[in-house]
Amino acid sequence: MDMSSREIRLPLNEVVAVLQDLNEFVVSLDQLGSRQAFGTADDHTVGKFVADWDVARGLSRARRVISVALDAQLSEEENAEIDALCDQGRFYGTHSASSTPTDQSS
């Protein structure tokens, strides 16, 4: 399937809600990363943010909004192809993604 020119429609209110969540997560994680770099935050602080702000729920909602739109607007075969592509992603805790990336610039 050629996905380069395909368009999917989403309800604007759902897009705005997803963007609000993503913006909060991205800005907050960036600020936490800066605090870690300066030694004023640690892994516990990041974990507390992820738990307290229910980041998993927000990201799950974003995935659901997109998935519902895809399911409604694409064929079963097209959705299966997208699912297969998504299954190729990197997942924390799996063998290939659990290793810590190294800084190649050193």
C-alpha atoms as a PDB file:
ATOM      1  CA  MET A   1       0.000   0.000   0.000  1.00  0.00           C
ATOM      2  CA  ASP A   2       1.304   3.424  -0.919  1.00  0.00           C
ATOM      3  CA  MET A   3       0.857   5.491   2.242  1.00  0.00           C
ATOM      4  CA  SER A   4       2.654   8.605   1.016  1.00  0.00           C
ATOM      5  CA  SER A   5      -0.457  10.233  -0.436  1.00  0.00           C
ATOM      6  CA  ARG A   6      -3.190   8.722   1.742  1.00  0.00           C
ATOM      7  CA  GLU A   7      -5.168  10.968   4.068  1.00  0.00           C
ATOM      8  CA  ILE A   8      -7.140   9.990   7.142  1.00  0.00           C
ATOM      9  CA  ARG A   9      -9.768  12.261   8.680  1.00  0.00           C
ATOM     10  CA  LEU A  10      -9.990  12.673  12.449  1.00  0.00           C
ATOM     11  CA  PRO A  11     -12.502  14.639  14.514  1.00  0.00           C
ATOM     12  CA  LEU A  12     -10.903  17.965  15.419  1.00  0.00           C
ATOM     13  CA  ASN A  13     -11.847  17.734  19.099  1.00  0.00           C
ATOM     14  CA  GLU A  14     -10.046  14.381  19.380  1.00  0.00           C
ATOM     15  CA  VAL A  15      -6.976  15.701  17.567  1.00  0.00           C
ATOM     16  CA  VAL A  16      -6.827  18.705  19.904  1.00  0.00           C
ATOM     17  CA  ALA A  17      -7.142  16.479  22.989  1.00  0.00           C
ATOM     18  CA  VAL A  18      -4.339  14.220  21.741  1.00  0.00           C
ATOM     19  CA  LEU A  19      -2.141  17.209  20.893  1.00  0.00           C
ATOM     20  CA  GLN A  20      -2.705  18.682  24.361  1.00  0.00           C
ATOM     21  CA  ASP A  21      -1.615  15.416  26.004  1.00  0.00           C
ATOM     22  CA  LEU A  22       1.394  15.016  23.721  1.00  0.00           C
ATOM     23  CA  ASN A  23       2.455  18.622  24.255  1.00  0.00           C
ATOM     24  CA  GLU A  24       2.272  18.234  28.040  1.00  0.00           C
ATOM     25  CA  PHE A  25       4.278  15.001  27.913  1.00  0.00           C
ATOM     26  CA  VAL A  26       6.941  16.300  25.517  1.00  0.00           C
ATOM     27  CA  VAL A  27       7.470  19.603  27.330  1.00  0.00           C
ATOM     28  CA  SER A  28       7.479  17.942  30.752  1.00  0.00           C
ATOM     29  CA  LEU A  29       9.887  15.192  29.683  1.00  0.00           C
ATOM     30  CA  ASP A  30      12.167  17.793  28.122  1.00  0.00           C
ATOM     31  CA  GLN A  31      12.176  19.763  31.370  1.00  0.00           C
ATOM     32  CA  LEU A  32      12.855  16.588  33.350  1.00  0.00           C
ATOM     33  CA  GLY A  33      15.720  15.756  31.003  1.00  0.00           C
ATOM     34  CA  SER A  34      17.216  19.191  31.592  1.00  0.00           C
ATOM     35  CA  ARG A  35      16.832  18.757  35.331  1.00  0.00           C
ATOM     36  CA  GLN A  36      18.555  15.364  35.117  1.00  0.00           C
ATOM     37  CA  ALA A  37      21.425  16.913  33.156  1.00  0.00           C
ATOM     38  CA  PHE A  38      21.912  19.479  35.924  1.00  0.00           C
ATOM     39  CA  GLY A  39      21.596  16.866  38.674  1.00  0.00           C
ATOM     40  CA  THR A  40      18.336  18.164  40.155  1.00  0.00           C
ATOM     41  CA  ALA A  41      16.222  15.177  39.048  1.00  0.00           C
ATOM     42  CA  ASP A  42      16.816  11.438  38.986  1.00  0.00           C
ATOM     43  CA  ASP A  43      15.163   8.346  37.514  1.00  0.00           C
ATOM     44  CA  HIS A  44      12.708   8.285  40.424  1.00  0.00           C
ATOM     45  CA  THR A  45      11.516  11.778  39.482  1.00  0.00           C
ATOM     46  CA  VAL A  46      10.890  10.694  35.898  1.00  0.00           C
ATOM     47  CA  GLY A  47       9.099   7.544  37.059  1.00  0.00           C
ATOM     48  CA  LYS A  48       6.951   9.594  39.421  1.00  0.00           C
ATOM     49  CA  PHE A  49       5.993  11.935  36.573  1.00  0.00           C
ATOM     50  CA  VAL A  50       5.062   9.014  34.315  1.00  0.00           C
ATOM     51  CA  ALA A  51       2.911   7.485  37.061  1.00  0.00           C
ATOM     52  CA  ASP A  52       1.383  10.678  38.489  1.00  0.00           C
ATOM     53  CA  TRP A  53       0.485  12.124  35.091  1.00  0.00           C
ATOM     54  CA  ASP A  54      -0.759   8.737  33.810  1.00  0.00           C
ATOM     55  CA  VAL A  55       1.373   9.040  30.687  1.00  0.00           C
ATOM     56  CA  ALA A  56       0.492   5.503  29.583  1.00  0.00           C
ATOM     57  CA  ARG A  57      -3.220   6.360  29.572  1.00  0.00           C
ATOM     58  CA  GLY A  58      -2.668   9.508  27.508  1.00  0.00           C
ATOM     59  CA  LEU A  59      -0.505   7.747  24.964  1.00  0.00           C
ATOM     60  CA  SER A  60      -2.965   4.860  24.810  1.00  0.00           C
ATOM     61  CA  ARG A  61      -5.764   7.334  24.078  1.00  0.00           C
ATOM     62  CA  ALA A  62      -3.701   8.865  21.249  1.00  0.00           C
ATOM     63  CA  ARG A  63      -3.110   5.417  19.774  1.00  0.00           C
ATOM     64  CA  ARG A  64      -6.822   4.583  20.098  1.00  0.00           C
ATOM     65  CA  VAL A  65      -7.934   7.817  18.350  1.00  0.00           C
ATOM     66  CA  ILE A  66      -5.672   7.061  15.398  1.00  0.00           C
ATOM     67  CA  SER A  67      -6.556   3.352  15.322  1.00  0.00           C
ATOM     68  CA  VAL A  68     -10.309   4.019  15.305  1.00  0.00           C
ATOM     69  CA  ALA A  69      -9.894   6.399  12.361  1.00  0.00           C
ATOM     70  CA  LEU A  70      -7.745   3.896  10.476  1.00  0.00           C
ATOM     71  CA  ASP A  71     -10.162   1.035  11.141  1.00  0.00           C
ATOM     72  CA  ALA A  72     -13.085   3.102   9.872  1.00  0.00           C
ATOM     73  CA  GLN A  73     -11.386   4.425   6.751  1.00  0.00           C
ATOM     74  CA  LEU A  74      -9.090   1.668   5.518  1.00  0.00           C
ATOM     75  CA  SER A  75      -9.715  -1.860   4.355  1.00  0.00           C
ATOM     76  CA  GLU A  76      -9.038  -4.863   6.560  1.00  0.00           C
ATOM     77  CA  GLU A  77      -5.970  -5.701   4.455  1.00  0.00           C
ATOM     78  CA  GLU A  78      -4.602  -2.147   4.747  1.00  0.00           C
ATOM     79  CA  ASN A  79      -5.118  -2.175   8.510  1.00  0.00           C
ATOM     80  CA  ALA A  80      -3.358  -5.544   8.734  1.00  0.00           C
ATOM     81  CA  GLU A  81      -0.390  -4.084   6.839  1.00  0.00           C
ATOM     82  CA  ILE A  82      -0.215  -1.126   9.236  1.00  0.00           C
ATOM     83  CA  ASP A  83      -0.488  -3.477  12.231  1.00  0.00           C
ATOM     84  CA  ALA A  84       2.423  -5.513  10.845  1.00  0.00           C
ATOM     85  CA  LEU A  85       4.511  -2.350  10.461  1.00  0.00           C
ATOM     86  CA  CYS A  86       3.703  -1.289  14.018  1.00  0.00           C
ATOM     87  CA  ASP A  87       4.674  -4.731  15.334  1.00  0.00           C
ATOM     88  CA  GLN A  88       8.178  -4.075  13.977  1.00  0.00           C
ATOM     89  CA  GLY A  89       8.686  -1.185  16.413  1.00  0.00           C
ATOM     90  CA  ARG A  90      11.090  -1.070  19.322  1.00  0.00           C
ATOM     91  CA  PHE A  91       9.570  -2.041  22.663  1.00  0.00           C
ATOM     92  CA  TYR A  92      11.237  -1.449  26.009  1.00  0.00           C
ATOM     93  CA  GLY A  93      12.066  -4.685  27.764  1.00  0.00           C
ATOM     94  CA  THR A  94      12.368  -6.759  24.611  1.00  0.00           C
ATOM     95  CA  HIS A  95      15.746  -8.239  23.749  1.00  0.00           C
ATOM     96  CA  SER A  96      16.551  -5.852  20.886  1.00  0.00           C
ATOM     97  CA  ALA A  97      15.401  -2.659  22.646  1.00  0.00           C
ATOM     98  CA  SER A  98      16.436  -3.314  26.245  1.00  0.00           C
ATOM     99  CA  SER A  99      20.061  -2.413  25.803  1.00  0.00           C
ATOM    100  CA  THR A 100      21.109   1.117  26.597  1.00  0.00           C
ATOM    101  CA  PRO A 101      22.099   3.160  23.530  1.00  0.00           C
ATOM    102  CA  THR A 102      25.695   4.271  23.524  1.00  0.00           C
ATOM    103  CA  ASP A 103      26.950   7.703  22.627  1.00  0.00           C
ATOM    104  CA  GLN A 104      28.701   7.267  19.303  1.00  0.00           C
ATOM    105  CA  SER A 105      30.259  10.753  19.432  1.00  0.00           C
ATOM    106  CA  SER A 106      32.752   9.872  22.213  1.00  0.00           C
END
